[in-house]
N, C-alpha and C. Protein backbone atom coordinates (compact mmCIF):
# COMPACT_ATOMS: atom_id res chain seq x y z
N UNK A 1 -2.08 125.91 146.59
CA UNK A 1 -2.31 126.23 145.14
C UNK A 1 -3.56 126.96 144.99
N UNK A 2 -3.52 127.97 144.31
CA UNK A 2 -4.88 128.86 144.19
C UNK A 2 -5.40 128.68 143.04
N UNK A 3 -6.42 129.57 142.45
CA UNK A 3 -7.10 129.46 141.37
C UNK A 3 -6.32 129.47 140.14
N UNK A 4 -5.68 130.54 140.12
CA UNK A 4 -4.95 130.46 138.68
C UNK A 4 -3.91 129.30 138.24
N UNK A 5 -3.48 128.56 139.29
CA UNK A 5 -2.60 127.38 139.21
C UNK A 5 -3.50 126.09 138.99
N UNK A 6 -4.59 126.28 139.24
CA UNK A 6 -5.83 125.48 139.37
C UNK A 6 -6.15 125.35 137.96
N UNK A 7 -6.46 126.44 137.26
CA UNK A 7 -6.94 126.75 135.83
C UNK A 7 -5.80 126.50 135.01
N UNK A 8 -4.56 125.90 135.38
CA UNK A 8 -3.46 125.35 134.29
C UNK A 8 -3.72 123.79 134.24
N UNK A 9 -4.42 123.27 135.31
CA UNK A 9 -4.42 121.65 135.16
C UNK A 9 -5.88 121.56 134.79
N UNK A 10 -6.89 122.20 135.05
CA UNK A 10 -8.23 121.93 134.94
C UNK A 10 -8.85 122.67 133.58
N UNK A 11 -9.52 121.97 132.63
CA UNK A 11 -9.92 122.73 131.49
C UNK A 11 -11.16 123.69 132.00
N UNK A 12 -11.77 123.11 132.95
CA UNK A 12 -13.11 124.07 133.53
C UNK A 12 -12.74 125.30 133.82
N UNK A 13 -14.12 126.24 133.34
CA UNK A 13 -13.94 127.63 133.77
C UNK A 13 -15.21 128.03 134.23
N UNK A 14 -15.28 129.26 134.93
CA UNK A 14 -16.57 129.65 135.31
C UNK A 14 -17.58 129.54 134.57
N UNK A 15 -18.82 129.13 134.74
CA UNK A 15 -19.27 128.82 136.14
C UNK A 15 -19.35 127.29 136.58
N UNK A 16 -18.23 126.64 135.78
CA UNK A 16 -18.13 125.11 136.02
C UNK A 16 -16.64 124.93 136.87
N UNK A 17 -16.04 125.65 137.13
CA UNK A 17 -14.78 125.44 138.18
C UNK A 17 -15.35 125.50 139.49
N UNK A 18 -15.00 124.25 140.30
CA UNK A 18 -15.59 124.22 141.57
C UNK A 18 -14.71 124.05 142.32
N UNK A 19 -13.10 124.22 142.11
CA UNK A 19 -12.11 124.12 143.11
C UNK A 19 -11.37 125.65 143.06
N UNK A 20 -11.33 126.39 144.41
CA UNK A 20 -10.84 127.42 144.66
C UNK A 20 -9.48 127.11 145.11
N UNK A 21 -8.94 126.42 145.62
CA UNK A 21 -7.74 126.49 146.20
C UNK A 21 -7.40 124.97 146.53
N UNK A 22 -6.23 124.65 146.67
CA UNK A 22 -5.70 123.32 147.11
C UNK A 22 -5.13 123.50 148.61
N UNK A 23 -5.81 122.83 149.27
CA UNK A 23 -5.08 123.08 151.11
C UNK A 23 -3.73 122.30 151.07
N UNK A 24 -3.82 121.10 150.49
CA UNK A 24 -2.70 120.13 150.89
C UNK A 24 -2.91 118.84 149.89
N UNK A 25 -1.63 118.39 149.58
CA UNK A 25 -1.31 117.25 148.61
C UNK A 25 -0.40 116.23 149.23
N UNK A 26 -0.68 114.92 149.52
CA UNK A 26 0.16 113.81 149.94
C UNK A 26 0.18 112.80 149.02
N UNK A 27 1.47 112.67 148.05
CA UNK A 27 1.36 111.70 147.05
C UNK A 27 1.76 110.60 147.55
N UNK A 28 2.51 110.65 148.79
CA UNK A 28 2.96 109.47 149.51
C UNK A 28 1.95 108.74 150.63
N UNK A 29 0.96 109.08 150.81
CA UNK A 29 -0.16 108.80 151.79
C UNK A 29 -0.26 107.10 151.81
N UNK A 30 -0.33 106.74 152.92
CA UNK A 30 -0.76 105.33 153.30
C UNK A 30 -2.10 105.02 152.66
N UNK A 31 -2.39 104.30 151.78
CA UNK A 31 -3.51 104.04 151.20
C UNK A 31 -3.88 104.46 150.09
N UNK A 32 -2.89 105.58 149.38
CA UNK A 32 -3.15 105.86 148.03
C UNK A 32 -2.79 107.71 148.25
N UNK A 33 -2.35 107.89 146.96
CA UNK A 33 -2.14 109.58 146.99
C UNK A 33 -3.43 110.26 147.34
N UNK A 34 -3.36 111.51 148.07
CA UNK A 34 -4.65 112.25 148.54
C UNK A 34 -4.31 113.81 148.40
N UNK A 35 -5.68 114.14 148.42
CA UNK A 35 -5.28 115.86 148.32
C UNK A 35 -6.58 116.33 149.04
N UNK A 36 -6.63 117.50 149.61
CA UNK A 36 -7.64 118.38 150.11
C UNK A 36 -7.71 119.61 149.45
N UNK A 37 -8.93 119.81 148.76
CA UNK A 37 -9.36 120.99 147.88
C UNK A 37 -10.25 121.85 148.83
N UNK A 38 -10.48 123.27 148.47
CA UNK A 38 -11.29 124.03 149.12
C UNK A 38 -12.43 124.44 148.21
N UNK A 39 -13.42 124.83 148.46
CA UNK A 39 -14.41 125.64 147.67
C UNK A 39 -15.44 126.31 148.46
N UNK A 40 -15.29 127.92 148.08
CA UNK A 40 -16.39 128.57 149.01
C UNK A 40 -17.69 128.71 148.34
N UNK A 41 -18.79 128.61 149.04
CA UNK A 41 -19.95 128.54 148.30
C UNK A 41 -20.73 129.99 148.55
N UNK A 42 -20.60 130.48 147.74
CA UNK A 42 -21.51 131.92 147.56
C UNK A 42 -23.02 132.16 147.26
N UNK A 43 -23.49 133.01 148.13
CA UNK A 43 -24.95 133.30 147.36
C UNK A 43 -25.02 133.57 145.74
N UNK A 44 -24.27 133.95 145.17
CA UNK A 44 -24.05 134.56 143.71
C UNK A 44 -23.53 133.20 143.04
N UNK A 45 -23.38 132.26 143.48
CA UNK A 45 -23.14 131.15 142.34
C UNK A 45 -24.45 130.82 141.62
N UNK A 46 -24.12 130.83 140.20
CA UNK A 46 -25.31 130.97 139.22
C UNK A 46 -26.28 129.70 139.48
N UNK A 47 -25.84 128.57 140.14
CA UNK A 47 -26.65 127.46 140.19
C UNK A 47 -27.87 127.55 141.11
N UNK A 48 -27.48 128.39 142.33
CA UNK A 48 -28.18 128.61 143.38
C UNK A 48 -29.49 129.58 143.34
N UNK A 49 -29.18 130.19 141.89
CA UNK A 49 -30.19 131.19 141.75
C UNK A 49 -31.45 130.26 141.32
N UNK A 50 -31.61 129.10 140.72
CA UNK A 50 -32.76 128.57 140.35
C UNK A 50 -33.10 127.21 141.04
N UNK A 51 -31.89 126.40 142.09
CA UNK A 51 -31.92 125.57 142.69
C UNK A 51 -32.38 125.61 144.26
N UNK A 52 -33.99 125.53 144.31
CA UNK A 52 -34.54 125.58 145.45
C UNK A 52 -34.52 127.31 146.05
N UNK A 53 -34.97 128.26 145.04
CA UNK A 53 -35.20 129.61 145.46
C UNK A 53 -35.76 129.70 146.85
N UNK A 54 -35.26 130.56 147.58
CA UNK A 54 -35.67 130.79 148.93
C UNK A 54 -35.04 129.93 149.97
N UNK A 55 -34.32 128.87 149.68
CA UNK A 55 -33.62 127.89 150.38
C UNK A 55 -32.48 127.18 149.25
N UNK A 56 -31.50 128.05 149.02
CA UNK A 56 -30.66 127.50 147.83
C UNK A 56 -29.68 126.70 148.56
N UNK A 57 -29.63 125.32 147.72
CA UNK A 57 -28.81 123.92 148.32
C UNK A 57 -28.03 123.59 147.03
N UNK A 58 -26.66 123.49 147.21
CA UNK A 58 -25.98 122.83 146.28
C UNK A 58 -26.27 121.42 145.70
N UNK A 59 -26.59 121.44 144.29
CA UNK A 59 -26.99 119.73 143.83
C UNK A 59 -26.02 119.07 144.33
N UNK A 60 -26.34 117.76 144.76
CA UNK A 60 -25.35 116.64 144.91
C UNK A 60 -24.74 116.21 143.65
N UNK A 61 -25.22 116.31 142.55
CA UNK A 61 -24.28 116.11 141.43
C UNK A 61 -23.14 117.07 141.25
N UNK A 62 -23.38 118.22 141.56
CA UNK A 62 -22.24 119.13 141.71
C UNK A 62 -21.13 118.86 142.70
N UNK A 63 -21.40 118.11 143.86
CA UNK A 63 -20.77 118.26 144.80
C UNK A 63 -19.95 117.08 144.46
N UNK A 64 -20.29 115.75 143.59
CA UNK A 64 -19.63 114.76 143.27
C UNK A 64 -18.66 115.25 142.13
N UNK A 65 -19.32 116.16 141.27
CA UNK A 65 -18.07 116.89 140.27
C UNK A 65 -17.00 117.74 141.08
N UNK A 66 -17.21 118.33 142.02
CA UNK A 66 -16.26 119.22 142.91
C UNK A 66 -15.28 118.13 143.38
N UNK A 67 -15.54 116.94 143.70
CA UNK A 67 -14.86 115.84 144.29
C UNK A 67 -14.18 115.40 142.73
N UNK A 68 -14.47 115.19 141.93
CA UNK A 68 -13.84 114.69 140.70
C UNK A 68 -12.88 115.65 140.11
N UNK A 69 -13.18 117.11 140.14
CA UNK A 69 -12.14 118.05 139.74
C UNK A 69 -10.85 118.15 140.69
N UNK A 70 -11.01 117.79 142.04
CA UNK A 70 -10.01 117.40 143.04
C UNK A 70 -9.20 116.31 142.41
N UNK A 71 -10.07 115.45 142.09
CA UNK A 71 -9.28 113.91 141.88
C UNK A 71 -8.56 114.48 140.41
N UNK A 72 -8.74 115.09 139.35
CA UNK A 72 -8.01 115.31 138.32
C UNK A 72 -6.77 116.30 138.73
N UNK A 73 -6.95 117.37 139.84
CA UNK A 73 -5.52 117.82 140.11
C UNK A 73 -4.79 116.93 140.89
N UNK A 74 -5.14 115.98 141.52
CA UNK A 74 -4.35 115.05 142.26
C UNK A 74 -3.96 113.98 141.10
N UNK A 75 -4.60 113.51 140.19
CA UNK A 75 -3.90 113.11 138.94
C UNK A 75 -2.78 113.76 138.35
N UNK A 76 -3.14 115.07 138.05
CA UNK A 76 -2.15 115.69 137.15
C UNK A 76 -1.10 115.83 138.15
N UNK A 77 -1.12 116.29 139.61
CA UNK A 77 0.30 116.07 140.49
C UNK A 77 0.88 114.96 140.43
N UNK A 78 0.22 113.86 140.35
CA UNK A 78 0.91 112.41 140.45
C UNK A 78 1.59 112.18 139.11
N UNK A 79 1.37 113.00 138.07
CA UNK A 79 1.98 112.57 136.88
C UNK A 79 1.36 111.69 135.93
N UNK A 80 -0.07 111.77 136.12
CA UNK A 80 -1.03 110.91 135.26
C UNK A 80 -1.96 111.86 134.17
N UNK A 81 -1.91 113.09 134.34
CA UNK A 81 -2.88 113.63 133.73
C UNK A 81 -2.29 115.06 133.12
N UNK A 82 -2.47 115.37 131.94
CA UNK A 82 -2.12 116.63 131.44
C UNK A 82 -3.10 117.23 130.66
N UNK A 83 -3.61 118.22 130.74
CA UNK A 83 -4.87 118.64 130.27
C UNK A 83 -4.66 119.16 128.61
N UNK A 84 -3.27 119.24 128.60
CA UNK A 84 -2.76 119.41 126.95
C UNK A 84 -2.87 118.52 125.89
N UNK A 85 -2.88 117.20 126.78
CA UNK A 85 -2.78 115.80 125.80
C UNK A 85 -3.96 114.82 126.32
N UNK A 86 -4.80 115.19 127.44
CA UNK A 86 -5.78 114.49 127.66
C UNK A 86 -7.14 115.09 128.15
N UNK A 87 -8.11 114.14 127.89
CA UNK A 87 -9.27 114.31 128.60
C UNK A 87 -9.45 113.45 129.77
N UNK A 88 -10.36 113.91 130.95
CA UNK A 88 -10.77 113.38 131.90
C UNK A 88 -12.16 113.06 132.00
N UNK A 89 -12.80 111.83 131.53
CA UNK A 89 -14.18 111.51 131.56
C UNK A 89 -14.39 110.77 132.88
N UNK A 90 -15.79 110.80 133.39
CA UNK A 90 -16.34 109.82 134.17
C UNK A 90 -16.45 108.62 133.77
N UNK A 91 -16.14 107.52 134.36
CA UNK A 91 -16.84 106.22 133.78
C UNK A 91 -17.87 105.64 134.91
N UNK A 92 -17.78 106.08 136.02
CA UNK A 92 -18.67 105.51 136.99
C UNK A 92 -18.92 106.28 138.36
N UNK A 93 -19.90 106.32 138.81
CA UNK A 93 -19.88 106.71 140.47
C UNK A 93 -20.93 105.95 141.00
N UNK A 94 -19.91 105.36 141.83
CA UNK A 94 -20.60 104.28 143.09
C UNK A 94 -20.77 104.93 144.54
N UNK A 95 -21.70 104.32 145.04
CA UNK A 95 -21.98 104.83 146.51
C UNK A 95 -22.10 106.20 146.99
N UNK A 96 -22.45 106.94 145.99
CA UNK A 96 -22.64 108.30 146.06
C UNK A 96 -23.95 108.76 147.53
N UNK A 97 -23.54 109.41 148.64
CA UNK A 97 -24.54 109.54 149.66
C UNK A 97 -24.32 111.18 149.71
N UNK A 98 -25.58 111.39 150.02
CA UNK A 98 -25.63 112.88 150.29
C UNK A 98 -26.33 113.04 151.64
N UNK A 99 -25.77 113.50 152.56
CA UNK A 99 -26.10 113.41 154.15
C UNK A 99 -26.75 114.56 154.77
N UNK A 100 -26.09 115.88 154.30
CA UNK A 100 -26.68 117.07 154.83
C UNK A 100 -26.65 118.40 153.63
N UNK A 101 -27.49 119.25 153.55
CA UNK A 101 -27.34 120.33 152.57
C UNK A 101 -26.31 121.04 152.65
N UNK A 102 -25.52 121.47 151.39
CA UNK A 102 -24.76 122.22 151.08
C UNK A 102 -25.33 123.64 151.12
N UNK A 103 -24.97 124.77 151.76
CA UNK A 103 -25.63 126.01 151.55
C UNK A 103 -24.71 127.05 151.32
N UNK A 104 -25.23 128.38 150.64
CA UNK A 104 -24.07 129.33 150.68
C UNK A 104 -23.62 129.93 152.12
N UNK A 105 -22.43 130.22 152.18
CA UNK A 105 -21.57 130.60 153.25
C UNK A 105 -20.87 129.34 153.86
N UNK A 106 -20.87 128.52 153.40
CA UNK A 106 -20.27 127.56 153.62
C UNK A 106 -18.68 127.10 152.84
N UNK A 107 -17.88 126.69 153.58
CA UNK A 107 -16.26 126.34 153.34
C UNK A 107 -16.09 125.23 152.80
N UNK A 108 -16.28 124.46 151.78
CA UNK A 108 -16.27 122.88 151.69
C UNK A 108 -14.76 122.44 151.86
N UNK A 109 -14.58 121.51 152.45
CA UNK A 109 -13.25 120.83 152.40
C UNK A 109 -13.72 119.62 151.60
N UNK A 110 -12.67 119.26 150.48
CA UNK A 110 -12.99 118.31 149.45
C UNK A 110 -11.73 117.48 149.66
N UNK A 111 -12.04 116.18 150.58
CA UNK A 111 -10.89 115.36 150.52
C UNK A 111 -11.13 114.01 149.48
N UNK A 112 -10.22 113.79 148.57
CA UNK A 112 -10.01 112.83 148.09
C UNK A 112 -8.84 112.03 147.84
N UNK A 113 -8.93 110.59 147.90
CA UNK A 113 -8.01 109.70 147.93
C UNK A 113 -7.96 108.94 146.65
N UNK A 114 -6.88 108.65 146.05
CA UNK A 114 -6.72 107.77 144.85
C UNK A 114 -6.66 106.45 145.39
N UNK A 115 -7.74 105.37 144.74
CA UNK A 115 -7.57 104.20 145.27
C UNK A 115 -6.78 103.36 144.01
N UNK A 116 -6.69 104.07 143.03
CA UNK A 116 -5.89 103.57 141.91
C UNK A 116 -5.55 104.56 140.76
N UNK A 117 -4.36 104.79 140.28
CA UNK A 117 -4.15 105.93 139.38
C UNK A 117 -3.48 105.22 138.02
N UNK A 118 -3.90 105.69 136.87
CA UNK A 118 -3.47 105.04 135.76
C UNK A 118 -4.25 105.82 134.92
N UNK A 119 -4.33 104.95 133.54
CA UNK A 119 -5.19 105.63 132.46
C UNK A 119 -6.83 105.31 133.05
N UNK A 120 -7.04 104.46 133.63
CA UNK A 120 -8.30 104.49 134.63
C UNK A 120 -8.09 104.51 136.04
N UNK A 121 -8.65 105.74 136.52
CA UNK A 121 -8.47 105.93 137.94
C UNK A 121 -9.82 105.99 138.84
N UNK A 122 -9.50 105.31 140.00
CA UNK A 122 -10.76 104.97 140.87
C UNK A 122 -10.25 105.69 142.24
N UNK A 123 -11.32 106.67 142.58
CA UNK A 123 -11.32 107.64 143.74
C UNK A 123 -12.21 107.29 144.78
N UNK A 124 -11.84 107.82 145.98
CA UNK A 124 -12.64 107.71 147.38
C UNK A 124 -12.83 109.32 147.45
N UNK A 125 -14.14 109.74 147.35
CA UNK A 125 -14.09 111.63 147.84
C UNK A 125 -15.01 111.76 148.91
N UNK A 126 -14.88 112.83 149.67
CA UNK A 126 -15.58 113.31 150.76
C UNK A 126 -15.70 114.86 150.90
N UNK A 127 -16.76 115.31 150.98
CA UNK A 127 -16.98 116.88 150.89
C UNK A 127 -17.53 117.13 152.40
N UNK A 128 -16.96 117.69 153.15
CA UNK A 128 -16.88 118.12 154.52
C UNK A 128 -17.00 119.66 155.08
N UNK A 129 -17.81 119.90 155.64
CA UNK A 129 -17.93 121.36 156.42
C UNK A 129 -17.27 121.05 157.86
N UNK A 130 -16.21 121.50 158.19
CA UNK A 130 -15.56 121.23 159.41
C UNK A 130 -15.72 119.79 159.86
N UNK A 131 -16.54 119.36 160.96
CA UNK A 131 -16.25 117.82 161.25
C UNK A 131 -17.83 117.14 160.56
N UNK A 132 -18.68 118.16 159.73
CA UNK A 132 -19.65 117.37 159.26
C UNK A 132 -19.65 116.73 157.70
N UNK A 133 -19.64 115.55 157.68
CA UNK A 133 -19.85 114.98 156.35
C UNK A 133 -20.93 115.41 155.82
N UNK A 134 -20.90 115.98 154.48
CA UNK A 134 -21.92 116.44 153.79
C UNK A 134 -22.15 115.50 152.76
N UNK A 135 -21.07 114.96 151.97
CA UNK A 135 -21.34 113.88 150.87
C UNK A 135 -20.22 113.19 150.76
N UNK A 136 -20.36 111.62 150.32
CA UNK A 136 -19.21 111.14 149.70
C UNK A 136 -19.51 110.07 148.74
N UNK A 137 -18.58 109.59 147.85
CA UNK A 137 -18.84 108.84 146.76
C UNK A 137 -17.33 108.22 146.48
N UNK A 138 -17.54 106.76 145.51
CA UNK A 138 -16.48 106.27 144.88
C UNK A 138 -16.60 106.59 143.69
N UNK A 139 -15.83 106.81 142.76
CA UNK A 139 -16.26 107.06 141.55
C UNK A 139 -14.75 106.59 140.72
N UNK A 140 -14.91 106.45 139.39
CA UNK A 140 -13.93 106.02 138.44
C UNK A 140 -13.97 107.01 137.39
N UNK A 141 -12.93 107.14 136.72
CA UNK A 141 -12.46 107.92 135.71
C UNK A 141 -11.36 107.68 134.68
N UNK A 142 -11.59 107.87 133.33
CA UNK A 142 -10.60 107.45 132.04
C UNK A 142 -9.92 108.82 131.93
N UNK A 143 -8.55 108.47 131.86
CA UNK A 143 -7.84 109.75 131.25
C UNK A 143 -7.32 109.25 129.64
N UNK A 144 -8.28 110.19 128.84
CA UNK A 144 -8.07 109.64 127.64
C UNK A 144 -7.20 110.59 126.49
N UNK A 145 -6.36 110.24 125.66
CA UNK A 145 -5.56 110.97 125.03
C UNK A 145 -6.32 111.94 124.03
N UNK A 146 -6.22 113.13 123.78
CA UNK A 146 -7.01 114.04 122.91
C UNK A 146 -6.72 113.30 121.56
N UNK A 147 -7.76 113.48 120.54
CA UNK A 147 -7.44 112.98 119.08
C UNK A 147 -6.07 114.27 118.60
N UNK A 148 -5.45 113.33 117.76
CA UNK A 148 -4.29 114.26 117.03
C UNK A 148 -5.06 115.57 116.09
N UNK A 149 -4.40 116.65 116.64
CA UNK A 149 -5.17 117.92 115.82
C UNK A 149 -5.89 118.87 116.62
N UNK A 150 -6.41 118.02 117.79
CA UNK A 150 -7.14 118.81 118.91
C UNK A 150 -6.86 119.68 119.57
N UNK A 151 -7.10 120.72 119.59
CA UNK A 151 -6.22 121.66 120.45
C UNK A 151 -6.63 121.80 121.92
N UNK A 152 -5.59 122.45 122.65
CA UNK A 152 -5.32 122.34 123.94
C UNK A 152 -6.48 123.39 124.46
N UNK A 153 -6.98 123.21 125.86
CA UNK A 153 -7.76 124.53 126.11
C UNK A 153 -6.84 125.77 126.35
N UNK A 154 -7.70 127.03 126.04
CA UNK A 154 -6.74 128.16 125.91
C UNK A 154 -6.83 128.24 127.45
């Protein structure tokens, strides 16, 4: 799955769309459905222009957001989320750990497993570059119906 298909699922757009591709999805995985998404970190990423100039580093909060976007794609593929009829909002972020800087030129593998899928989802995520763990978190989100009359994302 590539960017154009991902934009049919996620309401996010540049510069806040953090998933470039989906490498794999396993809806029958032992322990819960899982996804591996990819993100390429570029020097031209707007956030890096002001986050530690001279030593650009992707903020940890954006690493967690990247995990969350992968989780929404997973929830959609599992039939639990439709951007035309739902919003997805964070409810909580637990045990977020940032273990090594994420810098331009890196290809992130975003591994997310659903611990619970439903109106409220609970997910476990990791950001890796090769064998190196960069960050990980457990987070919850709510799939909330859009209000009547509220338009879908263009």
